[in-house]
Amino acid sequence: MAGSASELARRLGEDAEAVCREYLSNGHRSGNHWIVGDVRNTRGRSMHVRLKANAKGPAGKWVDEATSEFGDLLDVIRESCGLVEFRDVADEARRFLALPRPQVQGAGAQRHPAVAHGSPDASRRLFAMSQPIAGTPAERYLAGRCILLGSRERSLRFHPGCYYRDLLTGETLTLPALIAAVTSLDGQITGLQRTYLSHGLDPRGPVGKAALADPRRSLGRLFGNAIWLGLQPGTPVPVMAAGEGFETMASLRTVMPALPVAAATSANHLAGLSFPPGCRRLYIAADADAAGRHGIERLSQRAGEAGILALALRPQLGDFNDDLRHLGPASLIAWLRDQLLPDDARLFLPSG
């Protein structure tokens, strides 16, 4: 499907210099980069936007050397314009690209005027409208990924007909979705991640991700918060694990069910993750994605500044879900045993 956020970013990247001149007007071109102070269009030289694709990556990608932030041109539009909701970011991108704005169905219609789209309130309402995952396609989807969490994980729900909006055309689909709550350390829902699932005619058959360009969508207030598995609000967490992807962290939770884990949903959000009270050791799940390493480095730095020992956990394959599915839980447990500190291995891994 061509209506994904990645497609909008790609189209912006085709004319990256024009985007920079429009939204980062305090910068200037230098070779193949646009140089500016930061993504909010401050004067300076620490942020570099790649103007033409090369061996290092596609056009439009940027990094701020001062803060380790990085992203694409949609992030530039959001931050430089002071936008909050992604719908507004997509609308502004379409305006710049001279694409037609999506038509609103029904003159003057507004489905939920009391709650702003993408707000924490909207996230809490969607979560409340969902159901526990037991016996649902969401549970079968996770089982198909060898992720076995059970009903103890209250942050996971299932919605049988969740809206999916094509960011390029505005077309709306209705699809089943795994709903994962993003929460603050006090347990308040601040956002959601939706994993859209494929329709299955067999109610007992396998379930996969929907055939979409971006089958995962997040909304709400994400920075500093995470999809927490095993967190008891207000309880000290001396040892925890954190990473970018939900399935990566859920895979670790499957083989270490007593270890609290946090999935930050993106590398930028991983870099800004808030630490729970009493945290002394933080295991950071790495993967093969180069972009994620920026988030890992920044999180490690912040942990050290807070007096927390940060240790990396590295998979054998692309990520820990690949390890769990293709190598099996016994192999993953043995691999982790060599990376955990001995006391943590005895505490969180099965004996033998």
Foldseek 3Di string as FASTA:
>chain_A
DCLDPVNLLQVCLVQVVVLCCVQQVLWDDDVQWTAAQDLLNHHDGQKTFGNQADPVGHGQWMAGNVQLDIDGSLSSQCNNVVHAFSLVSLVVSCVVVVADDADDPDVVDDPDVVDDPQALVVQVVVLVQFAQCVLALVCLQCVVLVQDQPRPQSQKTKDAWDWDARSRHRDIGTFIWIWGFWAALQRRGFKIKTQGKDDDPDSPDHIYGPPDPDRIDMGGDQAQIFRKGQRDRPDAQQEAEEEADPSLQSLVCRQFVNHIYTHSNDLVSLLRHHDHPNHAEYEYEDFPDPSNVSSVVSNCVVCVVVNHHYFYDYDPHGGSSCCCVPVHSVVSLVSVCVRDDVVVNVVGGDDD
